[in-house]
Structures are given as C-alpha cells and as structure tokens.
N, C-alpha and C. Protein backbone atom coordinates (compact mmCIF):
# COMPACT_ATOMS: atom_id res chain seq x y z
N UNK A 1 99.72 100.62 95.20
CA UNK A 1 98.86 101.80 95.20
C UNK A 1 97.79 101.66 96.26
N UNK A 2 97.62 102.68 97.10
CA UNK A 2 96.61 102.64 98.15
C UNK A 2 95.27 103.08 97.60
N UNK A 3 94.29 102.17 97.60
CA UNK A 3 92.97 102.49 97.08
C UNK A 3 91.95 102.61 98.20
N UNK A 4 92.40 102.56 99.45
CA UNK A 4 91.49 102.69 100.57
C UNK A 4 91.33 104.16 100.93
N UNK A 5 92.45 104.87 101.07
CA UNK A 5 92.45 106.30 101.33
C UNK A 5 93.27 107.00 100.26
N UNK A 6 93.09 108.29 100.13
CA UNK A 6 93.94 109.06 99.23
C UNK A 6 95.39 108.95 99.68
N UNK A 7 96.29 108.93 98.71
CA UNK A 7 97.70 108.77 99.02
C UNK A 7 98.20 109.83 100.00
N UNK A 8 97.73 111.08 99.84
CA UNK A 8 98.23 112.14 100.71
C UNK A 8 97.79 111.94 102.15
N UNK A 9 96.61 111.30 102.36
CA UNK A 9 96.15 111.02 103.71
C UNK A 9 97.02 109.93 104.34
N UNK A 10 97.23 108.84 103.60
CA UNK A 10 98.06 107.74 104.11
C UNK A 10 99.48 108.21 104.40
N UNK A 11 100.03 109.02 103.49
CA UNK A 11 101.40 109.52 103.67
C UNK A 11 101.49 110.42 104.89
N UNK A 12 100.48 111.25 105.08
CA UNK A 12 100.48 112.15 106.24
C UNK A 12 100.45 111.36 107.54
N UNK A 13 99.57 110.34 107.60
CA UNK A 13 99.46 109.53 108.81
C UNK A 13 100.78 108.81 109.09
N UNK A 14 101.37 108.22 108.05
CA UNK A 14 102.63 107.49 108.22
C UNK A 14 103.76 108.43 108.68
N UNK A 15 103.73 109.67 108.19
CA UNK A 15 104.80 110.62 108.54
C UNK A 15 104.74 111.05 110.00
N UNK A 16 103.54 111.10 110.57
CA UNK A 16 103.45 111.58 111.96
C UNK A 16 103.56 110.44 112.97
N UNK A 17 103.50 109.19 112.51
CA UNK A 17 103.65 108.05 113.41
C UNK A 17 105.13 107.80 113.68
N UNK A 18 105.48 107.72 114.94
CA UNK A 18 106.84 107.34 115.31
C UNK A 18 106.84 105.84 115.59
N UNK A 19 107.37 105.10 114.65
CA UNK A 19 107.31 103.64 114.73
C UNK A 19 108.62 103.09 115.31
N UNK A 20 108.51 102.43 116.45
CA UNK A 20 109.68 101.83 117.11
C UNK A 20 109.52 100.33 117.27
N UNK A 21 108.55 99.75 116.59
CA UNK A 21 108.21 98.34 116.82
C UNK A 21 108.79 97.43 115.74
N UNK A 22 109.79 96.65 116.13
CA UNK A 22 110.31 95.57 115.29
C UNK A 22 110.59 96.05 113.85
N UNK A 23 111.37 97.12 113.77
CA UNK A 23 111.62 97.75 112.47
C UNK A 23 112.34 96.83 111.49
N UNK A 24 113.23 95.98 112.01
CA UNK A 24 113.95 95.08 111.12
C UNK A 24 113.03 94.04 110.50
N UNK A 25 111.95 93.66 111.22
CA UNK A 25 110.99 92.73 110.65
C UNK A 25 110.18 93.39 109.55
N UNK A 26 109.82 94.65 109.74
CA UNK A 26 109.08 95.36 108.69
C UNK A 26 109.96 95.52 107.44
N UNK A 27 111.23 95.82 107.64
CA UNK A 27 112.15 95.94 106.49
C UNK A 27 112.30 94.60 105.78
N UNK A 28 112.41 93.52 106.56
CA UNK A 28 112.52 92.19 105.98
C UNK A 28 111.28 91.86 105.16
N UNK A 29 110.09 92.17 105.71
CA UNK A 29 108.84 91.88 105.02
C UNK A 29 108.74 92.65 103.71
N UNK A 30 109.16 93.91 103.72
CA UNK A 30 109.13 94.72 102.50
C UNK A 30 110.10 94.16 101.46
N UNK A 31 111.29 93.79 101.91
CA UNK A 31 112.30 93.26 100.99
C UNK A 31 111.88 91.94 100.38
N UNK A 32 111.27 91.06 101.19
CA UNK A 32 110.90 89.72 100.73
C UNK A 32 109.45 89.64 100.24
N UNK A 33 108.79 90.79 100.21
CA UNK A 33 107.40 90.85 99.74
C UNK A 33 106.48 89.94 100.56
N UNK A 34 106.66 89.98 101.86
CA UNK A 34 105.80 89.23 102.78
C UNK A 34 104.76 90.19 103.36
N UNK A 35 103.48 89.92 103.17
CA UNK A 35 102.46 90.85 103.69
C UNK A 35 102.36 90.82 105.21
N UNK A 36 102.50 91.98 105.84
CA UNK A 36 102.26 92.13 107.27
C UNK A 36 101.32 93.31 107.45
N UNK A 37 100.82 93.50 108.65
CA UNK A 37 99.85 94.57 108.86
C UNK A 37 100.46 95.93 108.55
N UNK A 38 99.62 96.81 107.99
CA UNK A 38 100.04 98.16 107.68
C UNK A 38 100.35 98.93 108.96
N UNK A 39 101.21 99.94 108.83
CA UNK A 39 101.64 100.72 110.00
C UNK A 39 100.46 101.35 110.72
N UNK A 40 99.54 101.98 109.98
CA UNK A 40 98.40 102.63 110.62
C UNK A 40 97.45 101.62 111.26
N UNK A 41 97.38 100.42 110.68
CA UNK A 41 96.57 99.35 111.28
C UNK A 41 97.17 98.90 112.60
N UNK A 42 98.49 98.80 112.62
CA UNK A 42 99.18 98.41 113.84
C UNK A 42 98.93 99.41 114.96
N UNK A 43 98.97 100.69 114.64
CA UNK A 43 98.73 101.71 115.66
C UNK A 43 97.30 101.65 116.18
N UNK A 44 96.36 101.40 115.29
CA UNK A 44 94.96 101.25 115.70
C UNK A 44 94.79 100.06 116.64
N UNK A 45 95.41 98.93 116.30
CA UNK A 45 95.27 97.72 117.12
C UNK A 45 95.94 97.89 118.48
N UNK A 46 97.02 98.65 118.55
CA UNK A 46 97.64 98.94 119.84
C UNK A 46 96.65 99.61 120.78
N UNK A 47 95.89 100.57 120.26
CA UNK A 47 94.90 101.25 121.08
C UNK A 47 93.73 100.33 121.44
N UNK A 48 93.35 99.49 120.50
CA UNK A 48 92.27 98.54 120.77
C UNK A 48 92.66 97.57 121.88
N UNK A 49 93.90 97.12 121.86
CA UNK A 49 94.39 96.24 122.92
C UNK A 49 94.40 96.96 124.27
N UNK A 50 94.78 98.24 124.26
CA UNK A 50 94.80 99.00 125.51
C UNK A 50 93.40 99.16 126.09
N UNK A 51 92.40 99.27 125.22
CA UNK A 51 91.02 99.42 125.68
C UNK A 51 90.47 98.08 126.16
N UNK A 52 90.68 97.04 125.39
CA UNK A 52 90.10 95.72 125.69
C UNK A 52 90.85 94.99 126.79
N UNK A 53 92.15 95.13 126.85
CA UNK A 53 93.02 94.43 127.81
C UNK A 53 92.73 92.92 127.84
N UNK A 54 92.89 92.24 126.70
CA UNK A 54 92.60 90.81 126.66
C UNK A 54 93.60 89.99 127.45
N UNK A 55 93.12 88.87 127.97
CA UNK A 55 93.99 87.93 128.68
C UNK A 55 94.42 86.78 127.77
N UNK A 56 93.70 86.61 126.66
CA UNK A 56 94.04 85.54 125.72
C UNK A 56 93.77 86.02 124.30
N UNK A 57 94.73 85.79 123.41
CA UNK A 57 94.63 86.24 122.02
C UNK A 57 94.86 85.05 121.09
N UNK A 58 94.02 84.96 120.06
CA UNK A 58 94.19 83.97 118.99
C UNK A 58 94.42 84.71 117.69
N UNK A 59 95.45 84.28 116.96
CA UNK A 59 95.74 84.87 115.65
C UNK A 59 95.70 83.77 114.61
N UNK A 60 95.04 84.04 113.48
CA UNK A 60 95.05 83.12 112.35
C UNK A 60 95.81 83.78 111.22
N UNK A 61 97.00 83.27 110.94
CA UNK A 61 97.87 83.85 109.93
C UNK A 61 99.06 84.55 110.56
N UNK A 62 100.09 83.80 110.87
CA UNK A 62 101.25 84.31 111.59
C UNK A 62 102.23 85.06 110.70
N UNK A 63 102.44 84.52 109.49
CA UNK A 63 103.50 85.00 108.58
C UNK A 63 104.84 84.98 109.32
N UNK A 64 105.55 86.09 109.38
CA UNK A 64 106.88 86.10 110.01
C UNK A 64 106.80 86.41 111.51
N UNK A 65 105.60 86.55 112.03
CA UNK A 65 105.43 86.75 113.47
C UNK A 65 105.34 88.19 113.90
N UNK A 66 105.29 89.12 112.96
CA UNK A 66 105.28 90.54 113.30
C UNK A 66 104.08 90.92 114.17
N UNK A 67 102.88 90.58 113.73
CA UNK A 67 101.69 90.97 114.49
C UNK A 67 101.64 90.29 115.85
N UNK A 68 102.07 89.05 115.92
CA UNK A 68 102.12 88.35 117.21
C UNK A 68 103.02 89.08 118.19
N UNK A 69 104.16 89.54 117.69
CA UNK A 69 105.09 90.27 118.54
C UNK A 69 104.50 91.60 119.00
N UNK A 70 103.75 92.26 118.12
CA UNK A 70 103.08 93.49 118.51
C UNK A 70 102.05 93.21 119.61
N UNK A 71 101.28 92.14 119.45
CA UNK A 71 100.29 91.78 120.47
C UNK A 71 100.96 91.47 121.80
N UNK A 72 102.10 90.79 121.72
CA UNK A 72 102.82 90.46 122.95
C UNK A 72 103.36 91.71 123.62
N UNK A 73 103.86 92.64 122.84
CA UNK A 73 104.45 93.87 123.40
C UNK A 73 103.41 94.76 124.05
N UNK A 74 102.21 94.80 123.47
CA UNK A 74 101.21 95.76 123.93
C UNK A 74 100.04 95.13 124.67
N UNK A 75 100.23 93.93 125.18
CA UNK A 75 99.21 93.31 126.03
C UNK A 75 99.90 92.35 126.99
N UNK A 76 99.15 91.90 127.98
CA UNK A 76 99.64 90.88 128.90
C UNK A 76 99.02 89.53 128.59
N UNK A 77 98.52 89.38 127.37
CA UNK A 77 97.76 88.19 127.00
C UNK A 77 98.66 87.00 126.68
N UNK A 78 98.10 85.83 126.87
CA UNK A 78 98.69 84.59 126.37
C UNK A 78 98.27 84.45 124.91
N UNK A 79 99.26 84.30 124.02
CA UNK A 79 98.99 84.35 122.59
C UNK A 79 99.16 82.99 121.93
N UNK A 80 98.16 82.63 121.12
CA UNK A 80 98.24 81.45 120.26
C UNK A 80 98.10 81.91 118.82
N UNK A 81 99.01 81.46 117.95
CA UNK A 81 98.96 81.88 116.56
C UNK A 81 99.09 80.67 115.64
N UNK A 82 98.38 80.70 114.52
CA UNK A 82 98.31 79.57 113.59
C UNK A 82 98.87 79.99 112.24
N UNK A 83 99.76 79.18 111.69
CA UNK A 83 100.35 79.47 110.38
C UNK A 83 100.43 78.18 109.55
N UNK A 84 99.93 78.23 108.32
CA UNK A 84 99.93 77.06 107.44
C UNK A 84 101.31 76.77 106.87
N UNK A 85 102.01 77.81 106.40
CA UNK A 85 103.29 77.62 105.73
C UNK A 85 104.38 77.20 106.70
N UNK A 86 105.04 76.10 106.37
CA UNK A 86 106.14 75.63 107.22
C UNK A 86 107.31 76.61 107.22
N UNK A 87 107.59 77.20 106.06
CA UNK A 87 108.68 78.16 105.95
C UNK A 87 108.41 79.40 106.79
N UNK A 88 107.18 79.94 106.68
CA UNK A 88 106.82 81.12 107.46
C UNK A 88 106.83 80.82 108.96
N UNK A 89 106.32 79.65 109.33
CA UNK A 89 106.29 79.26 110.74
C UNK A 89 107.71 79.17 111.31
N UNK A 90 108.63 78.68 110.50
CA UNK A 90 110.03 78.58 110.93
C UNK A 90 110.62 79.97 111.19
N UNK A 91 110.37 80.89 110.25
CA UNK A 91 110.87 82.26 110.43
C UNK A 91 110.24 82.91 111.65
N UNK A 92 108.93 82.71 111.81
CA UNK A 92 108.23 83.30 112.96
C UNK A 92 108.80 82.78 114.27
N UNK A 93 109.03 81.47 114.36
CA UNK A 93 109.57 80.92 115.59
C UNK A 93 110.96 81.46 115.88
N UNK A 94 111.75 81.64 114.84
CA UNK A 94 113.08 82.25 115.04
C UNK A 94 112.95 83.67 115.58
N UNK A 95 111.98 84.40 115.09
CA UNK A 95 111.76 85.76 115.58
C UNK A 95 111.26 85.76 117.02
N UNK A 96 110.40 84.82 117.37
CA UNK A 96 109.93 84.71 118.76
C UNK A 96 111.09 84.40 119.69
N UNK A 97 111.96 83.50 119.23
CA UNK A 97 113.14 83.15 120.03
C UNK A 97 114.07 84.36 120.17
N UNK A 98 114.22 85.10 119.09
CA UNK A 98 115.10 86.27 119.10
C UNK A 98 114.66 87.29 120.14
N UNK A 99 113.35 87.48 120.26
CA UNK A 99 112.83 88.47 121.20
C UNK A 99 112.42 87.84 122.54
N UNK A 100 112.71 86.55 122.67
CA UNK A 100 112.50 85.85 123.94
C UNK A 100 111.06 85.98 124.43
N UNK A 101 110.11 85.67 123.54
CA UNK A 101 108.71 85.74 123.90
C UNK A 101 108.11 84.34 123.90
N UNK A 102 107.13 84.15 124.76
CA UNK A 102 106.46 82.84 124.89
C UNK A 102 105.13 82.91 124.13
N UNK A 103 105.17 82.57 122.86
CA UNK A 103 103.99 82.57 122.00
C UNK A 103 103.77 81.16 121.47
N UNK A 104 102.56 80.66 121.59
CA UNK A 104 102.23 79.31 121.15
C UNK A 104 101.97 79.33 119.64
N UNK A 105 102.92 78.80 118.87
CA UNK A 105 102.82 78.78 117.42
C UNK A 105 102.39 77.39 116.95
N UNK A 106 101.30 77.33 116.20
CA UNK A 106 100.78 76.08 115.65
C UNK A 106 100.98 76.11 114.14
N UNK A 107 101.78 75.18 113.63
CA UNK A 107 102.04 75.09 112.19
C UNK A 107 101.09 74.06 111.59
N UNK A 108 99.94 74.52 111.12
CA UNK A 108 98.92 73.60 110.61
C UNK A 108 97.88 74.40 109.83
N UNK A 109 97.05 73.69 109.11
CA UNK A 109 95.90 74.31 108.46
C UNK A 109 94.96 74.85 109.52
N UNK A 110 94.50 76.08 109.34
CA UNK A 110 93.71 76.74 110.38
C UNK A 110 92.42 75.99 110.69
N UNK A 111 91.75 75.47 109.68
CA UNK A 111 90.50 74.76 109.92
C UNK A 111 90.72 73.56 110.83
N UNK A 112 91.82 72.85 110.65
CA UNK A 112 92.14 71.71 111.51
C UNK A 112 92.59 72.18 112.89
N UNK A 113 93.45 73.18 112.89
CA UNK A 113 94.01 73.66 114.16
C UNK A 113 92.93 74.19 115.10
N UNK A 114 91.94 74.88 114.55
CA UNK A 114 90.89 75.45 115.39
C UNK A 114 90.13 74.38 116.15
N UNK A 115 89.92 73.24 115.51
CA UNK A 115 89.14 72.17 116.15
C UNK A 115 89.90 71.52 117.30
N UNK A 116 91.20 71.76 117.38
CA UNK A 116 92.02 71.16 118.43
C UNK A 116 92.20 72.09 119.64
N UNK A 117 91.72 73.31 119.52
CA UNK A 117 91.83 74.26 120.63
C UNK A 117 90.67 74.06 121.59
N UNK A 118 90.96 74.16 122.87
CA UNK A 118 89.91 73.91 123.87
C UNK A 118 89.87 75.00 124.93
N UNK A 119 90.21 76.22 124.55
CA UNK A 119 90.16 77.32 125.50
C UNK A 119 89.38 78.49 124.89
N UNK A 120 88.99 79.42 125.72
CA UNK A 120 88.31 80.61 125.22
C UNK A 120 89.30 81.74 124.97
N UNK A 121 88.94 82.64 124.07
CA UNK A 121 89.80 83.78 123.74
C UNK A 121 89.01 85.08 123.87
N UNK A 122 89.71 86.12 124.33
CA UNK A 122 89.10 87.44 124.47
C UNK A 122 89.25 88.27 123.20
N UNK A 123 90.27 87.97 122.41
CA UNK A 123 90.61 88.79 121.24
C UNK A 123 91.10 87.86 120.14
N UNK A 124 90.53 87.98 118.95
CA UNK A 124 90.93 87.14 117.82
C UNK A 124 91.27 88.03 116.63
N UNK A 125 92.40 87.75 116.01
CA UNK A 125 92.86 88.50 114.83
C UNK A 125 92.93 87.55 113.65
N UNK A 126 92.15 87.83 112.60
CA UNK A 126 92.10 86.98 111.42
C UNK A 126 92.82 87.66 110.26
N UNK A 127 93.86 87.01 109.76
CA UNK A 127 94.63 87.56 108.64
C UNK A 127 95.21 86.40 107.85
N UNK A 128 94.31 85.59 107.28
CA UNK A 128 94.74 84.39 106.57
C UNK A 128 93.98 84.30 105.25
N UNK A 129 93.59 83.09 104.87
CA UNK A 129 92.86 82.87 103.62
C UNK A 129 91.55 83.66 103.61
N UNK A 130 91.47 84.67 102.75
CA UNK A 130 90.31 85.57 102.74
C UNK A 130 89.01 84.83 102.43
N UNK A 131 89.08 83.80 101.61
CA UNK A 131 87.87 83.05 101.24
C UNK A 131 87.28 82.30 102.43
N UNK A 132 88.07 82.10 103.48
CA UNK A 132 87.61 81.33 104.64
C UNK A 132 87.22 82.21 105.83
N UNK A 133 87.17 83.52 105.64
CA UNK A 133 86.90 84.42 106.77
C UNK A 133 85.58 84.06 107.48
N UNK A 134 84.55 83.78 106.72
CA UNK A 134 83.26 83.46 107.35
C UNK A 134 83.34 82.17 108.15
N UNK A 135 84.05 81.17 107.63
CA UNK A 135 84.20 79.93 108.38
C UNK A 135 84.94 80.19 109.69
N UNK A 136 86.04 80.93 109.61
CA UNK A 136 86.80 81.23 110.82
C UNK A 136 85.92 81.95 111.83
N UNK A 137 85.20 82.96 111.36
CA UNK A 137 84.35 83.75 112.25
C UNK A 137 83.31 82.86 112.94
N UNK A 138 82.62 82.06 112.16
CA UNK A 138 81.55 81.22 112.72
C UNK A 138 82.08 80.19 113.71
N UNK A 139 83.20 79.56 113.36
CA UNK A 139 83.73 78.54 114.26
C UNK A 139 84.20 79.17 115.57
N UNK A 140 84.88 80.29 115.46
CA UNK A 140 85.36 80.98 116.65
C UNK A 140 84.20 81.45 117.50
N UNK A 141 83.18 82.01 116.86
CA UNK A 141 81.99 82.48 117.58
C UNK A 141 81.33 81.36 118.37
N UNK A 142 81.17 80.22 117.77
CA UNK A 142 80.44 79.12 118.40
C UNK A 142 81.27 78.36 119.43
N UNK A 143 82.59 78.36 119.25
CA UNK A 143 83.40 77.46 120.06
C UNK A 143 84.52 78.09 120.89
N UNK A 144 84.99 79.26 120.51
CA UNK A 144 86.23 79.75 121.11
C UNK A 144 86.19 81.16 121.69
N UNK A 145 85.19 81.95 121.33
CA UNK A 145 85.20 83.35 121.76
C UNK A 145 84.46 83.54 123.07
N UNK A 146 85.11 84.21 124.01
CA UNK A 146 84.46 84.51 125.28
C UNK A 146 83.41 85.61 125.10
N UNK A 147 82.43 85.64 126.01
CA UNK A 147 81.45 86.72 125.99
C UNK A 147 82.16 88.07 126.09
N UNK A 148 81.72 89.00 125.26
CA UNK A 148 82.38 90.30 125.24
C UNK A 148 83.67 90.31 124.45
N UNK A 149 83.99 89.19 123.82
CA UNK A 149 85.22 89.10 123.04
C UNK A 149 85.16 89.88 121.74
N UNK A 150 86.33 90.06 121.14
CA UNK A 150 86.45 90.86 119.92
C UNK A 150 87.06 90.00 118.81
N UNK A 151 86.47 90.07 117.62
CA UNK A 151 87.05 89.45 116.43
C UNK A 151 87.42 90.55 115.46
N UNK A 152 88.71 90.62 115.12
CA UNK A 152 89.22 91.60 114.17
C UNK A 152 89.65 90.87 112.91
N UNK A 153 89.18 91.35 111.75
CA UNK A 153 89.59 90.76 110.47
C UNK A 153 90.34 91.83 109.67
N UNK A 154 91.51 91.47 109.16
CA UNK A 154 92.34 92.42 108.42
C UNK A 154 92.16 92.23 106.92
N UNK A 155 92.52 93.27 106.16
CA UNK A 155 92.49 93.24 104.69
C UNK A 155 91.09 93.03 104.12
N UNK A 156 90.06 93.49 104.82
CA UNK A 156 88.70 93.18 104.40
C UNK A 156 88.21 94.07 103.24
N UNK A 157 88.95 95.13 102.90
CA UNK A 157 88.60 95.94 101.73
C UNK A 157 89.46 95.62 100.52
N UNK A 158 90.47 94.80 100.73
CA UNK A 158 91.28 94.18 99.67
C UNK A 158 91.68 95.18 98.58
N UNK A 159 92.52 96.12 98.97
CA UNK A 159 93.05 97.13 98.05
C UNK A 159 91.95 97.96 97.39
N UNK A 160 90.81 98.03 98.02
CA UNK A 160 89.70 98.80 97.49
C UNK A 160 88.81 98.04 96.54
N UNK A 161 89.20 96.82 96.16
CA UNK A 161 88.44 96.05 95.18
C UNK A 161 87.06 95.64 95.70
N UNK A 162 86.95 95.48 97.03
CA UNK A 162 85.67 95.13 97.62
C UNK A 162 84.65 96.26 97.42
N UNK A 163 85.13 97.48 97.29
CA UNK A 163 84.26 98.66 97.23
C UNK A 163 83.91 99.10 95.82
N UNK A 164 84.64 98.62 94.83
CA UNK A 164 84.48 99.15 93.48
C UNK A 164 84.70 98.06 92.44
N UNK A 165 83.65 97.73 91.68
CA UNK A 165 83.76 96.68 90.66
C UNK A 165 84.81 97.00 89.60
N UNK A 166 85.04 98.28 89.35
CA UNK A 166 86.00 98.66 88.31
C UNK A 166 87.43 98.30 88.68
N UNK A 167 87.67 98.06 89.96
CA UNK A 167 89.03 97.75 90.42
C UNK A 167 89.29 96.24 90.49
N UNK A 168 88.24 95.44 90.37
CA UNK A 168 88.37 94.00 90.63
C UNK A 168 89.13 93.29 89.51
N UNK A 169 90.18 92.57 89.90
CA UNK A 169 90.90 91.72 88.96
C UNK A 169 90.09 90.44 88.74
N UNK A 170 90.05 89.96 87.49
CA UNK A 170 89.24 88.79 87.17
C UNK A 170 89.61 87.58 88.04
N UNK A 171 90.90 87.40 88.29
CA UNK A 171 91.32 86.24 89.07
C UNK A 171 90.99 86.37 90.55
N UNK A 172 90.53 87.56 90.96
CA UNK A 172 90.19 87.78 92.36
C UNK A 172 88.68 87.86 92.59
N UNK A 173 87.88 87.59 91.57
CA UNK A 173 86.43 87.77 91.68
C UNK A 173 85.83 86.95 92.81
N UNK A 174 86.24 85.68 92.94
CA UNK A 174 85.67 84.82 93.98
C UNK A 174 86.01 85.35 95.38
N UNK A 175 87.25 85.75 95.59
CA UNK A 175 87.66 86.30 96.88
C UNK A 175 86.86 87.55 97.21
N UNK A 176 86.70 88.43 96.21
CA UNK A 176 85.97 89.68 96.44
C UNK A 176 84.52 89.40 96.80
N UNK A 177 83.89 88.48 96.10
CA UNK A 177 82.50 88.13 96.41
C UNK A 177 82.37 87.60 97.83
N UNK A 178 83.31 86.75 98.23
CA UNK A 178 83.25 86.17 99.57
C UNK A 178 83.51 87.21 100.65
N UNK A 179 84.42 88.16 100.38
CA UNK A 179 84.66 89.23 101.35
C UNK A 179 83.44 90.13 101.48
N UNK A 180 82.80 90.43 100.38
CA UNK A 180 81.58 91.24 100.43
C UNK A 180 80.49 90.53 101.22
N UNK A 181 80.33 89.24 100.97
CA UNK A 181 79.33 88.46 101.72
C UNK A 181 79.68 88.40 103.20
N UNK A 182 80.97 88.28 103.49
CA UNK A 182 81.42 88.24 104.88
C UNK A 182 81.09 89.54 105.59
N UNK A 183 81.37 90.66 104.96
CA UNK A 183 81.10 91.95 105.58
C UNK A 183 79.61 92.17 105.78
N UNK A 184 78.80 91.77 104.80
CA UNK A 184 77.35 91.89 104.96
C UNK A 184 76.87 91.01 106.12
N UNK A 185 77.45 89.84 106.22
CA UNK A 185 77.06 88.88 107.26
C UNK A 185 77.37 89.40 108.66
N UNK A 186 78.60 89.87 108.88
CA UNK A 186 78.97 90.28 110.24
C UNK A 186 78.32 91.59 110.66
N UNK A 187 78.03 92.46 109.70
CA UNK A 187 77.41 93.74 110.06
C UNK A 187 75.92 93.58 110.35
N UNK A 188 75.31 92.48 109.92
CA UNK A 188 73.88 92.27 110.13
C UNK A 188 73.56 91.37 111.32
N UNK A 189 74.58 90.86 111.98
CA UNK A 189 74.34 90.00 113.13
C UNK A 189 73.94 90.83 114.34
N UNK A 190 72.85 90.41 114.99
CA UNK A 190 72.34 91.14 116.14
C UNK A 190 73.18 90.91 117.40
N UNK A 191 73.94 89.82 117.42
CA UNK A 191 74.72 89.49 118.61
C UNK A 191 76.13 90.08 118.59
N UNK A 192 76.42 90.87 117.57
CA UNK A 192 77.72 91.54 117.46
C UNK A 192 77.51 93.00 117.09
N UNK A 193 78.40 93.83 117.61
CA UNK A 193 78.49 95.22 117.16
C UNK A 193 79.73 95.32 116.29
N UNK A 194 79.53 95.59 115.00
CA UNK A 194 80.64 95.57 114.05
C UNK A 194 80.87 96.94 113.43
N UNK A 195 82.14 97.32 113.34
CA UNK A 195 82.54 98.53 112.64
C UNK A 195 83.55 98.15 111.56
N UNK A 196 83.48 98.84 110.44
CA UNK A 196 84.45 98.67 109.36
C UNK A 196 85.32 99.93 109.32
N UNK A 197 86.61 99.74 109.52
CA UNK A 197 87.54 100.85 109.65
C UNK A 197 88.36 100.96 108.36
N UNK A 198 88.23 102.06 107.59
CA UNK A 198 88.96 102.19 106.32
C UNK A 198 90.38 102.71 106.50
N UNK A 199 91.20 101.94 107.22
CA UNK A 199 92.62 102.25 107.34
C UNK A 199 93.41 101.04 106.90
N UNK A 200 94.67 101.24 106.55
CA UNK A 200 95.47 100.13 106.06
C UNK A 200 94.82 99.54 104.83
N UNK A 201 94.52 98.25 104.88
CA UNK A 201 93.80 97.58 103.80
C UNK A 201 92.38 97.25 104.23
N UNK A 202 91.91 97.96 105.26
CA UNK A 202 90.57 97.74 105.77
C UNK A 202 90.54 96.76 106.93
N UNK A 203 89.90 97.15 108.03
CA UNK A 203 89.80 96.31 109.21
C UNK A 203 88.36 96.28 109.67
N UNK A 204 87.87 95.09 110.03
CA UNK A 204 86.56 95.00 110.68
C UNK A 204 86.77 94.64 112.14
N UNK A 205 85.98 95.26 113.01
CA UNK A 205 86.05 95.00 114.45
C UNK A 205 84.65 94.59 114.89
N UNK A 206 84.52 93.35 115.36
CA UNK A 206 83.24 92.81 115.80
C UNK A 206 83.31 92.46 117.28
N UNK A 207 82.45 93.09 118.08
CA UNK A 207 82.43 92.89 119.53
C UNK A 207 81.23 92.03 119.87
N UNK A 208 81.48 90.89 120.51
CA UNK A 208 80.40 89.97 120.85
C UNK A 208 79.61 90.48 122.07
N UNK A 209 78.31 90.37 121.98
CA UNK A 209 77.45 90.79 123.08
C UNK A 209 77.82 90.05 124.36
N UNK A 210 77.96 90.79 125.43
CA UNK A 210 78.34 90.22 126.72
C UNK A 210 77.07 89.80 127.46
N UNK A 211 76.79 88.51 127.40
CA UNK A 211 75.55 87.98 128.02
C UNK A 211 75.74 87.74 129.51
C-alpha cells in the first residue's frame, strides 16, 4: 500500500511513464520480493543525473544492480557500488556482465568499504541500512564528496511511517526514529541545500555548498 501519495496519483504517474529500462530486472525483483527503486523515483533520478552530469557516482546498496545500471545508462560517470549480501552481489555482477557494463562492485560491509575508498564523488546514492544513513552521510561528507556534490537518500519516508505515528510498526520504531533524526539533521545543515521529495518511498536530495 502506498502511503506517500494517494493511490490514484501514483497510478496515474506510473500509467503515463513509458518505462524501457531493464524491464526483466524489475520483473525479477517483483517476483523475488527484492526492493529496488520505485519507477517514479527512477524517472526523477534520470533527470537529476542529466542536470548534474556527474563524473563519479557512489552507491551504497546494490541489491540486484538495477539502480547501478540506470546510473550507467543515463550518465557518463564511473560508478562504484557497495553491497553487503554475497548472494545479491553475485546476482548484480551477473547483471553487469549481461549488459557489458564496467561498474566497480564491492562486496563488503559499507562502513568498512567506505574507509577503503580514496577518491572523490560527485553523486552519491544511499539505499542501504536505514539506521546507518546519518553515518553514511557524515563519512561521505567529510571524506568522499566533492564540492558541489549531491547526496541522495532513498526510502526516507519509509512507507509513510516517518510522517505518521499511527502507521509505525512496533518493530520498526528504532528505524523510524533514526530516519526522522536523519531528516532533521540534513535539512538543518547550513552547508547543504536539502529537499525532501515525496515520490516513490520518499527521496532526499542534499547539494553540498560549492566552496
């Protein structure tokens, strides 16, 4: 159930979008219950990439490689993506091979993997452990993000639970609290311009001040 927008709005948007991007991967994800970015979120990010034109992209949370492939298709950037699950990383690498793309896939815990990177990134996409969003943001900000770079975090409204206490599942209370704190934190930083976009499962876009 979509709790971010009314169902008729989401359905209308999905109906007018002509989706030609890796359709078999989206079908696989739906069949196997693997979370990938929502269709409307993908379309939004395509436009963001066209505006920003990044030369280097970092992704945290590869899953089956769908979003990485979208980034590769709609940018000229060198892409690095991090995935904890060995099974997911294997599927993602097979998909990269299938589409003959050169994407640097790191199969490791993100907190460890980030400390081993020694390059700057223009665009970062976070879609991993929601409880660690603030850690990812801070580490990337201090060590990996170029001036004027963009940090995008997906699923930040978490099925609407972040916005409404009545929707919160008891087992998700800690995640919801941390997401709320994360959103308050990034929107109050003077060195970033942050917008919260209520599409898909919620996306935050934070643009670092270009010093």
